[in-house]
Each structure stands twice: as structure tokens, then as C-alpha cells.
Amino acid sequence: MSAKKDKLTKVLFVCLGNICRSPTAEGVFRDLLVRRGLADKILVDSAGTSGWHVGEAPDARSQQEALRRGVDLSEQRSRAVAPSDFERFDYIVAMDEDNLRELKKRCPKELQSRLYRCTEFAPGLGLRDVPDPYYGGADGFARVFEIIAESTRGLLATIEDDGNV
């Protein structure tokens, strides 16, 4: 394996079903990495703590909001968090406290330092969780996109500050 591959930083975004928030975060962060010329240095994926939607595309409303802002989520498919994800990913970013709690239950103790809440990276927002827009209207998806965009910019700054790019 080349030295370049050894230095690849891996980020996993996690929500409940992997059809709204975490695929949006994956798409927004990937777009940010492309625009910053870092797409070959950071691998991005998303998953859900449940397996309810495995194999499904992101929610149409998430896709519509993302496309409206120039981000295409159409190739993504939902998957559930796997035990191997805890070793594979350097940053495992939960969308809310419930998903973070579930991840902590599953994650080996020695790897728990890899677990984060998404809004930790955007303290100026004053939010603890990225709200689940699934049962709401289009405005909820727009708000989620904005929260995620701010949080992923902060995540990238943290990754850079940690010397992982």
C-alpha cells in the first residue's frame, strides 16, 4: 500500500435510517472536499443505526434540497452501521444524541474517542442535535442542510487542525 493511501482520513456520518441527515452530510462534506481539492485525502460515507432502509436512496426531499444547492445525493444507498466501521473510520459523526448514545453502546471502549456529535463542530449554532426532518415539511430539510453545511465546515477545520489532511 502506498504512503498516500495510508494517510487517507475516513469520516462516517450516522443518523437513524441513513435516508435524510447522514446522506445529506455525506454529500455536503464530499462537495466541500471537492471544492477544497481534498477529495483524494478524505474518504466519506454514511450509515444508519437502524437497518430499516438498507439499499434505499436518500429521501426525495433530502435529494431535492441538496440538488437545489448543487449537491447530488442520487448515487447513495442506505446501509446500517457495521461493527467494522468503528475500526475503519477515524471520525464517526452522529447527527443527534440518540444516535451517539447508540454508537457508544456498540463501539469498543478503546475506539470511543472517534465518536462525535455533528453540531460539536459548529458551536456557534447553539444546537445540540441536527433535527430529524423526516416527519416535517420542506423547510425542515432546508434547515438541516444549513446546519450540516456549517457543521461540516467545522469538521474539516478540525481534521486539518488535527493534522489529518
N, C-alpha and C. Protein backbone atom coordinates (compact mmCIF):
# COMPACT_ATOMS: atom_id res chain seq x y z
N MET A 1 0.84 -1.18 0.00
CA MET A 1 0.00 0.00 0.00
C MET A 1 0.89 1.24 0.00
N SER A 2 0.52 2.22 -0.78
CA SER A 2 1.33 3.43 -0.87
C SER A 2 1.17 4.28 0.38
N ALA A 3 2.12 5.16 0.61
CA ALA A 3 2.06 6.05 1.76
C ALA A 3 0.84 6.95 1.68
N LYS A 4 0.47 7.36 0.47
CA LYS A 4 -0.69 8.23 0.30
C LYS A 4 -1.95 7.54 0.82
N LYS A 5 -2.14 6.27 0.48
CA LYS A 5 -3.32 5.53 0.92
C LYS A 5 -3.32 5.36 2.44
N ASP A 6 -2.13 5.17 3.02
CA ASP A 6 -2.04 5.01 4.46
C ASP A 6 -2.51 6.26 5.20
N LYS A 7 -2.42 7.41 4.57
CA LYS A 7 -2.77 8.67 5.22
C LYS A 7 -4.21 9.10 4.96
N LEU A 8 -4.97 8.30 4.26
CA LEU A 8 -6.36 8.63 3.96
C LEU A 8 -7.16 8.71 5.27
N THR A 9 -7.78 9.85 5.51
CA THR A 9 -8.64 10.03 6.67
C THR A 9 -10.04 9.59 6.28
N LYS A 10 -10.72 8.90 7.19
CA LYS A 10 -12.04 8.35 6.88
C LYS A 10 -13.08 8.91 7.84
N VAL A 11 -14.19 9.41 7.26
CA VAL A 11 -15.27 10.03 8.02
C VAL A 11 -16.57 9.30 7.72
N LEU A 12 -17.30 8.95 8.78
CA LEU A 12 -18.61 8.31 8.65
C LEU A 12 -19.65 9.17 9.36
N PHE A 13 -20.70 9.55 8.62
CA PHE A 13 -21.83 10.28 9.20
C PHE A 13 -22.94 9.29 9.52
N VAL A 14 -23.59 9.45 10.68
CA VAL A 14 -24.58 8.48 11.13
C VAL A 14 -25.85 9.17 11.63
N CYS A 15 -26.98 8.68 11.13
CA CYS A 15 -28.28 9.05 11.69
C CYS A 15 -29.07 7.77 11.90
N LEU A 16 -30.36 7.86 12.11
CA LEU A 16 -31.16 6.69 12.41
C LEU A 16 -31.34 5.77 11.20
N GLY A 17 -31.90 6.31 10.11
CA GLY A 17 -32.23 5.46 8.97
C GLY A 17 -31.32 5.60 7.77
N ASN A 18 -30.42 6.57 7.80
CA ASN A 18 -29.49 6.84 6.70
C ASN A 18 -30.23 7.18 5.40
N ILE A 19 -31.32 7.98 5.55
CA ILE A 19 -32.01 8.44 4.34
C ILE A 19 -32.22 9.96 4.32
N CYS A 20 -31.97 10.65 5.42
CA CYS A 20 -32.15 12.12 5.44
C CYS A 20 -30.87 12.84 5.84
N ARG A 21 -30.58 12.83 7.12
CA ARG A 21 -29.48 13.65 7.63
C ARG A 21 -28.10 13.14 7.24
N SER A 22 -27.80 11.87 7.50
CA SER A 22 -26.43 11.41 7.23
C SER A 22 -26.09 11.37 5.74
N PRO A 23 -27.02 11.00 4.84
CA PRO A 23 -26.65 11.11 3.43
C PRO A 23 -26.47 12.56 2.99
N THR A 24 -27.23 13.47 3.59
CA THR A 24 -27.03 14.88 3.29
C THR A 24 -25.64 15.30 3.74
N ALA A 25 -25.25 14.90 4.94
CA ALA A 25 -23.92 15.23 5.45
C ALA A 25 -22.83 14.64 4.57
N GLU A 26 -23.01 13.40 4.15
CA GLU A 26 -22.03 12.77 3.26
C GLU A 26 -21.89 13.58 1.97
N GLY A 27 -23.00 13.96 1.36
CA GLY A 27 -22.97 14.70 0.11
C GLY A 27 -22.39 16.10 0.27
N VAL A 28 -22.79 16.79 1.32
CA VAL A 28 -22.31 18.15 1.57
C VAL A 28 -20.81 18.14 1.85
N PHE A 29 -20.37 17.18 2.69
CA PHE A 29 -18.95 17.12 3.02
C PHE A 29 -18.12 16.73 1.81
N ARG A 30 -18.61 15.78 1.02
CA ARG A 30 -17.89 15.38 -0.19
C ARG A 30 -17.76 16.57 -1.14
N ASP A 31 -18.84 17.33 -1.30
CA ASP A 31 -18.81 18.52 -2.17
C ASP A 31 -17.79 19.53 -1.65
N LEU A 32 -17.75 19.74 -0.34
CA LEU A 32 -16.78 20.65 0.27
C LEU A 32 -15.35 20.17 -0.01
N LEU A 33 -15.12 18.88 0.11
CA LEU A 33 -13.79 18.33 -0.14
C LEU A 33 -13.38 18.51 -1.60
N VAL A 34 -14.31 18.31 -2.52
CA VAL A 34 -14.01 18.51 -3.95
C VAL A 34 -13.64 19.98 -4.19
N ARG A 35 -14.44 20.88 -3.65
CA ARG A 35 -14.17 22.31 -3.85
C ARG A 35 -12.85 22.74 -3.23
N ARG A 36 -12.43 22.10 -2.17
CA ARG A 36 -11.17 22.43 -1.49
C ARG A 36 -9.99 21.61 -2.02
N GLY A 37 -10.22 20.72 -2.99
CA GLY A 37 -9.14 19.91 -3.54
C GLY A 37 -8.65 18.82 -2.60
N LEU A 38 -9.52 18.34 -1.73
CA LEU A 38 -9.13 17.34 -0.73
C LEU A 38 -9.84 16.00 -0.89
N ALA A 39 -10.56 15.82 -1.99
CA ALA A 39 -11.36 14.60 -2.16
C ALA A 39 -10.52 13.33 -2.19
N ASP A 40 -9.25 13.45 -2.55
CA ASP A 40 -8.39 12.27 -2.59
C ASP A 40 -7.70 12.01 -1.25
N LYS A 41 -7.96 12.86 -0.25
CA LYS A 41 -7.31 12.72 1.05
C LYS A 41 -8.26 12.27 2.16
N ILE A 42 -9.57 12.42 1.91
CA ILE A 42 -10.57 12.07 2.92
C ILE A 42 -11.67 11.24 2.28
N LEU A 43 -11.89 10.05 2.83
CA LEU A 43 -12.97 9.17 2.38
C LEU A 43 -14.21 9.48 3.21
N VAL A 44 -15.37 9.56 2.57
CA VAL A 44 -16.61 9.92 3.25
C VAL A 44 -17.67 8.86 2.98
N ASP A 45 -18.42 8.51 4.01
CA ASP A 45 -19.50 7.55 3.90
C ASP A 45 -20.57 7.93 4.90
N SER A 46 -21.71 7.25 4.84
CA SER A 46 -22.78 7.46 5.82
C SER A 46 -23.47 6.13 6.09
N ALA A 47 -24.13 6.06 7.24
CA ALA A 47 -24.81 4.83 7.66
C ALA A 47 -25.89 5.19 8.67
N GLY A 48 -26.73 4.22 8.98
CA GLY A 48 -27.78 4.40 9.98
C GLY A 48 -27.61 3.44 11.14
N THR A 49 -28.09 3.84 12.31
CA THR A 49 -28.04 2.94 13.45
C THR A 49 -29.12 1.86 13.33
N SER A 50 -30.11 2.10 12.48
CA SER A 50 -31.11 1.07 12.20
C SER A 50 -30.89 0.54 10.80
N GLY A 51 -31.48 -0.59 10.50
CA GLY A 51 -31.38 -1.15 9.16
C GLY A 51 -32.67 -1.04 8.38
N TRP A 52 -33.54 -0.13 8.81
CA TRP A 52 -34.87 -0.01 8.22
C TRP A 52 -34.88 0.30 6.73
N HIS A 53 -33.91 1.03 6.25
CA HIS A 53 -33.94 1.50 4.86
C HIS A 53 -32.77 1.00 4.01
N VAL A 54 -32.13 -0.08 4.44
CA VAL A 54 -30.94 -0.58 3.74
C VAL A 54 -31.22 -0.74 2.24
N GLY A 55 -30.32 -0.18 1.42
CA GLY A 55 -30.44 -0.27 -0.03
C GLY A 55 -31.26 0.82 -0.68
N GLU A 56 -31.95 1.62 0.12
CA GLU A 56 -32.79 2.69 -0.42
C GLU A 56 -31.96 3.95 -0.70
N ALA A 57 -32.43 4.72 -1.67
CA ALA A 57 -31.83 6.03 -1.96
C ALA A 57 -32.25 7.01 -0.86
N PRO A 58 -31.54 8.12 -0.72
CA PRO A 58 -31.95 9.13 0.25
C PRO A 58 -33.38 9.62 -0.03
N ASP A 59 -34.04 10.07 1.02
CA ASP A 59 -35.38 10.63 0.93
C ASP A 59 -35.43 11.66 -0.21
N ALA A 60 -36.49 11.64 -0.98
CA ALA A 60 -36.63 12.53 -2.14
C ALA A 60 -36.51 14.00 -1.73
N ARG A 61 -37.02 14.33 -0.54
CA ARG A 61 -36.94 15.73 -0.08
C ARG A 61 -35.50 16.13 0.24
N SER A 62 -34.71 15.19 0.78
CA SER A 62 -33.29 15.46 1.02
C SER A 62 -32.57 15.67 -0.30
N GLN A 63 -32.88 14.80 -1.25
CA GLN A 63 -32.25 14.92 -2.57
C GLN A 63 -32.62 16.24 -3.24
N GLN A 64 -33.89 16.61 -3.14
CA GLN A 64 -34.35 17.85 -3.77
C GLN A 64 -33.65 19.06 -3.18
N GLU A 65 -33.57 19.12 -1.85
CA GLU A 65 -32.92 20.26 -1.19
C GLU A 65 -31.43 20.31 -1.55
N ALA A 66 -30.79 19.16 -1.54
CA ALA A 66 -29.36 19.11 -1.88
C ALA A 66 -29.14 19.56 -3.33
N LEU A 67 -29.94 19.05 -4.25
CA LEU A 67 -29.80 19.44 -5.66
C LEU A 67 -30.02 20.93 -5.86
N ARG A 68 -30.97 21.47 -5.12
CA ARG A 68 -31.24 22.91 -5.19
C ARG A 68 -29.99 23.70 -4.86
N ARG A 69 -29.10 23.09 -4.06
CA ARG A 69 -27.87 23.76 -3.63
C ARG A 69 -26.63 23.19 -4.32
N GLY A 70 -26.86 22.41 -5.38
CA GLY A 70 -25.75 21.92 -6.19
C GLY A 70 -25.08 20.65 -5.71
N VAL A 71 -25.74 19.89 -4.84
CA VAL A 71 -25.16 18.65 -4.30
C VAL A 71 -26.06 17.48 -4.72
N ASP A 72 -25.46 16.49 -5.36
CA ASP A 72 -26.20 15.33 -5.86
C ASP A 72 -26.05 14.15 -4.91
N LEU A 73 -27.16 13.67 -4.37
CA LEU A 73 -27.17 12.53 -3.45
C LEU A 73 -27.68 11.25 -4.12
N SER A 74 -28.01 11.32 -5.40
CA SER A 74 -28.76 10.25 -6.06
C SER A 74 -28.05 8.90 -6.12
N GLU A 75 -26.72 8.88 -6.06
CA GLU A 75 -25.99 7.61 -6.14
C GLU A 75 -25.87 6.91 -4.79
N GLN A 76 -26.18 7.59 -3.72
CA GLN A 76 -26.04 7.00 -2.38
C GLN A 76 -27.13 5.98 -2.11
N ARG A 77 -26.80 4.98 -1.29
CA ARG A 77 -27.77 3.98 -0.84
C ARG A 77 -27.57 3.76 0.65
N SER A 78 -28.68 3.62 1.34
CA SER A 78 -28.64 3.45 2.79
C SER A 78 -27.97 2.13 3.18
N ARG A 79 -27.25 2.19 4.28
CA ARG A 79 -26.68 0.99 4.89
C ARG A 79 -26.70 1.18 6.40
N ALA A 80 -26.60 0.09 7.10
CA ALA A 80 -26.55 0.13 8.56
C ALA A 80 -25.10 0.17 9.02
N VAL A 81 -24.88 0.77 10.17
CA VAL A 81 -23.55 0.78 10.78
C VAL A 81 -23.12 -0.67 11.01
N ALA A 82 -21.90 -0.98 10.63
CA ALA A 82 -21.33 -2.31 10.81
C ALA A 82 -20.29 -2.28 11.94
N PRO A 83 -20.10 -3.38 12.65
CA PRO A 83 -19.08 -3.41 13.71
C PRO A 83 -17.70 -2.97 13.21
N SER A 84 -17.35 -3.30 11.98
CA SER A 84 -16.04 -2.94 11.44
C SER A 84 -15.87 -1.43 11.23
N ASP A 85 -16.99 -0.70 11.17
CA ASP A 85 -16.91 0.76 10.98
C ASP A 85 -16.14 1.44 12.11
N PHE A 86 -16.21 0.91 13.31
CA PHE A 86 -15.55 1.56 14.44
C PHE A 86 -14.03 1.55 14.30
N GLU A 87 -13.50 0.53 13.68
CA GLU A 87 -12.06 0.48 13.43
C GLU A 87 -11.69 1.18 12.13
N ARG A 88 -12.57 1.11 11.16
CA ARG A 88 -12.28 1.63 9.82
C ARG A 88 -12.26 3.15 9.75
N PHE A 89 -13.17 3.81 10.48
CA PHE A 89 -13.33 5.27 10.36
C PHE A 89 -12.63 6.01 11.50
N ASP A 90 -12.02 7.14 11.14
CA ASP A 90 -11.31 7.97 12.12
C ASP A 90 -12.26 8.92 12.84
N TYR A 91 -13.29 9.39 12.15
CA TYR A 91 -14.29 10.30 12.70
C TYR A 91 -15.65 9.70 12.41
N ILE A 92 -16.39 9.37 13.46
CA ILE A 92 -17.75 8.83 13.31
C ILE A 92 -18.66 9.88 13.92
N VAL A 93 -19.44 10.52 13.05
CA VAL A 93 -20.16 11.73 13.40
C VAL A 93 -21.66 11.48 13.43
N ALA A 94 -22.22 11.46 14.64
CA ALA A 94 -23.66 11.22 14.84
C ALA A 94 -24.44 12.51 14.68
N MET A 95 -25.63 12.39 14.12
CA MET A 95 -26.46 13.56 13.89
C MET A 95 -27.18 14.04 15.15
N ASP A 96 -27.34 13.17 16.14
CA ASP A 96 -28.02 13.60 17.36
C ASP A 96 -27.57 12.74 18.55
N GLU A 97 -28.03 13.14 19.71
CA GLU A 97 -27.64 12.48 20.96
C GLU A 97 -28.09 11.03 21.00
N ASP A 98 -29.29 10.73 20.49
CA ASP A 98 -29.79 9.35 20.50
C ASP A 98 -28.88 8.44 19.68
N ASN A 99 -28.49 8.88 18.50
CA ASN A 99 -27.61 8.06 17.66
C ASN A 99 -26.21 7.96 18.26
N LEU A 100 -25.74 9.03 18.88
CA LEU A 100 -24.44 8.98 19.55
C LEU A 100 -24.47 7.96 20.69
N ARG A 101 -25.54 7.97 21.46
CA ARG A 101 -25.71 7.01 22.57
C ARG A 101 -25.69 5.58 22.03
N GLU A 102 -26.39 5.35 20.93
CA GLU A 102 -26.42 4.00 20.33
C GLU A 102 -25.03 3.60 19.84
N LEU A 103 -24.32 4.53 19.22
CA LEU A 103 -22.97 4.24 18.75
C LEU A 103 -22.04 3.90 19.92
N LYS A 104 -22.19 4.63 21.02
CA LYS A 104 -21.35 4.38 22.20
C LYS A 104 -21.60 2.98 22.76
N LYS A 105 -22.84 2.50 22.68
CA LYS A 105 -23.16 1.14 23.15
C LYS A 105 -22.44 0.09 22.31
N ARG A 106 -22.33 0.34 21.03
CA ARG A 106 -21.76 -0.63 20.09
C ARG A 106 -20.25 -0.53 19.93
N CYS A 107 -19.70 0.62 20.19
CA CYS A 107 -18.29 0.91 19.91
C CYS A 107 -17.38 0.37 21.01
N PRO A 108 -16.31 -0.33 20.64
CA PRO A 108 -15.35 -0.76 21.66
C PRO A 108 -14.82 0.45 22.44
N LYS A 109 -14.64 0.26 23.72
CA LYS A 109 -14.19 1.36 24.60
C LYS A 109 -12.96 2.08 24.07
N GLU A 110 -12.01 1.32 23.57
CA GLU A 110 -10.75 1.92 23.13
C GLU A 110 -10.89 2.77 21.87
N LEU A 111 -12.05 2.71 21.21
CA LEU A 111 -12.26 3.49 19.98
C LEU A 111 -13.29 4.62 20.15
N GLN A 112 -13.79 4.80 21.36
CA GLN A 112 -14.85 5.79 21.59
C GLN A 112 -14.41 7.23 21.33
N SER A 113 -13.11 7.47 21.31
CA SER A 113 -12.64 8.83 21.03
C SER A 113 -12.90 9.23 19.58
N ARG A 114 -13.32 8.28 18.75
CA ARG A 114 -13.63 8.57 17.35
C ARG A 114 -15.07 9.05 17.16
N LEU A 115 -15.86 9.00 18.22
CA LEU A 115 -17.28 9.35 18.14
C LEU A 115 -17.50 10.83 18.46
N TYR A 116 -18.33 11.48 17.63
CA TYR A 116 -18.62 12.90 17.78
C TYR A 116 -20.10 13.15 17.49
N ARG A 117 -20.60 14.27 17.98
CA ARG A 117 -21.91 14.77 17.60
C ARG A 117 -21.67 15.84 16.54
N CYS A 118 -22.42 15.84 15.48
CA CYS A 118 -22.20 16.73 14.33
C CYS A 118 -22.10 18.19 14.73
N THR A 119 -23.00 18.63 15.57
CA THR A 119 -23.04 20.06 15.92
C THR A 119 -21.88 20.49 16.82
N GLU A 120 -21.10 19.55 17.34
CA GLU A 120 -19.88 19.90 18.09
C GLU A 120 -18.97 20.77 17.24
N PHE A 121 -19.02 20.58 15.93
CA PHE A 121 -18.13 21.28 15.02
C PHE A 121 -18.66 22.65 14.60
N ALA A 122 -19.83 23.00 15.11
CA ALA A 122 -20.41 24.32 14.82
C ALA A 122 -21.04 24.88 16.10
N PRO A 123 -20.21 25.14 17.11
CA PRO A 123 -20.76 25.59 18.40
C PRO A 123 -21.53 26.90 18.31
N GLY A 124 -21.23 27.71 17.32
CA GLY A 124 -21.93 28.98 17.15
C GLY A 124 -23.41 28.82 16.83
N LEU A 125 -23.80 27.64 16.37
CA LEU A 125 -25.21 27.41 16.06
C LEU A 125 -26.06 27.29 17.33
N GLY A 126 -25.42 26.93 18.44
CA GLY A 126 -26.16 26.79 19.69
C GLY A 126 -27.11 25.61 19.68
N LEU A 127 -26.81 24.58 18.90
CA LEU A 127 -27.67 23.41 18.80
C LEU A 127 -26.95 22.17 19.33
N ARG A 128 -27.70 21.28 19.92
CA ARG A 128 -27.14 20.02 20.38
C ARG A 128 -27.27 18.96 19.28
N ASP A 129 -28.39 18.95 18.59
CA ASP A 129 -28.69 17.93 17.59
C ASP A 129 -29.01 18.54 16.23
N VAL A 130 -28.79 17.74 15.19
CA VAL A 130 -29.33 18.05 13.87
C VAL A 130 -30.73 17.45 13.88
N PRO A 131 -31.78 18.25 13.81
CA PRO A 131 -33.13 17.72 13.93
C PRO A 131 -33.49 16.80 12.75
N ASP A 132 -34.28 15.78 13.05
CA ASP A 132 -34.71 14.85 12.02
C ASP A 132 -35.87 15.48 11.24
N PRO A 133 -35.69 15.74 9.94
CA PRO A 133 -36.72 16.42 9.16
C PRO A 133 -37.79 15.47 8.59
N TYR A 134 -37.66 14.18 8.82
CA TYR A 134 -38.46 13.17 8.12
C TYR A 134 -39.97 13.42 8.20
N TYR A 135 -40.47 13.78 9.36
CA TYR A 135 -41.92 13.94 9.51
C TYR A 135 -42.40 15.37 9.31
N GLY A 136 -41.51 16.26 8.88
CA GLY A 136 -41.87 17.66 8.69
C GLY A 136 -41.95 18.04 7.22
N GLY A 137 -41.96 19.33 6.99
CA GLY A 137 -42.07 19.85 5.64
C GLY A 137 -40.72 20.20 5.04
N ALA A 138 -40.77 20.82 3.86
CA ALA A 138 -39.56 21.15 3.10
C ALA A 138 -38.65 22.10 3.87
N ASP A 139 -39.23 23.00 4.69
CA ASP A 139 -38.41 23.94 5.43
C ASP A 139 -37.47 23.22 6.41
N GLY A 140 -37.88 22.07 6.92
CA GLY A 140 -37.03 21.29 7.81
C GLY A 140 -35.81 20.75 7.09
N PHE A 141 -35.97 20.35 5.85
CA PHE A 141 -34.85 19.84 5.06
C PHE A 141 -33.87 20.97 4.71
N ALA A 142 -34.41 22.16 4.47
CA ALA A 142 -33.56 23.31 4.20
C ALA A 142 -32.75 23.66 5.45
N ARG A 143 -33.39 23.65 6.60
CA ARG A 143 -32.70 23.97 7.85
C ARG A 143 -31.62 22.93 8.15
N VAL A 144 -31.93 21.65 7.94
CA VAL A 144 -30.95 20.58 8.15
C VAL A 144 -29.74 20.78 7.24
N PHE A 145 -29.99 21.13 6.00
CA PHE A 145 -28.88 21.36 5.07
C PHE A 145 -27.97 22.46 5.61
N GLU A 146 -28.56 23.55 6.09
CA GLU A 146 -27.77 24.68 6.61
C GLU A 146 -26.96 24.28 7.83
N ILE A 147 -27.57 23.54 8.75
CA ILE A 147 -26.87 23.08 9.96
C ILE A 147 -25.71 22.18 9.57
N ILE A 148 -25.96 21.26 8.65
CA ILE A 148 -24.93 20.32 8.21
C ILE A 148 -23.81 21.06 7.47
N ALA A 149 -24.15 22.01 6.63
CA ALA A 149 -23.12 22.76 5.90
C ALA A 149 -22.18 23.46 6.88
N GLU A 150 -22.74 24.09 7.89
CA GLU A 150 -21.91 24.78 8.90
C GLU A 150 -21.09 23.77 9.69
N SER A 151 -21.71 22.69 10.09
CA SER A 151 -21.02 21.67 10.90
C SER A 151 -19.90 20.99 10.13
N THR A 152 -20.12 20.71 8.86
CA THR A 152 -19.07 20.02 8.09
C THR A 152 -17.89 20.94 7.79
N ARG A 153 -18.15 22.23 7.67
CA ARG A 153 -17.02 23.17 7.55
C ARG A 153 -16.17 23.13 8.81
N GLY A 154 -16.84 23.08 9.96
CA GLY A 154 -16.12 22.98 11.23
C GLY A 154 -15.40 21.65 11.38
N LEU A 155 -16.01 20.58 10.90
CA LEU A 155 -15.37 19.26 10.93
C LEU A 155 -14.10 19.28 10.11
N LEU A 156 -14.16 19.85 8.91
CA LEU A 156 -12.96 19.91 8.07
C LEU A 156 -11.87 20.72 8.75
N ALA A 157 -12.23 21.81 9.38
CA ALA A 157 -11.24 22.61 10.11
C ALA A 157 -10.60 21.79 11.23
N THR A 158 -11.40 20.99 11.92
CA THR A 158 -10.89 20.13 12.99
C THR A 158 -9.94 19.08 12.42
N ILE A 159 -10.32 18.45 11.33
CA ILE A 159 -9.46 17.46 10.70
C ILE A 159 -8.14 18.09 10.29
N GLU A 160 -8.21 19.29 9.73
CA GLU A 160 -6.98 20.00 9.35
C GLU A 160 -6.14 20.34 10.58
N ASP A 161 -6.81 20.84 11.63
CA ASP A 161 -6.11 21.19 12.87
C ASP A 161 -5.46 19.96 13.52
N ASP A 162 -6.11 18.80 13.38
CA ASP A 162 -5.58 17.55 13.94
C ASP A 162 -4.41 17.02 13.11
N GLY A 163 -4.16 17.67 11.96
CA GLY A 163 -3.08 17.23 11.09
C GLY A 163 -3.42 15.97 10.29
N ASN A 164 -4.72 15.76 10.06
CA ASN A 164 -5.16 14.55 9.37
C ASN A 164 -5.51 14.76 7.91
N VAL A 165 -4.97 15.80 7.31
CA VAL A 165 -5.14 16.03 5.87
C VAL A 165 -3.76 16.26 5.27
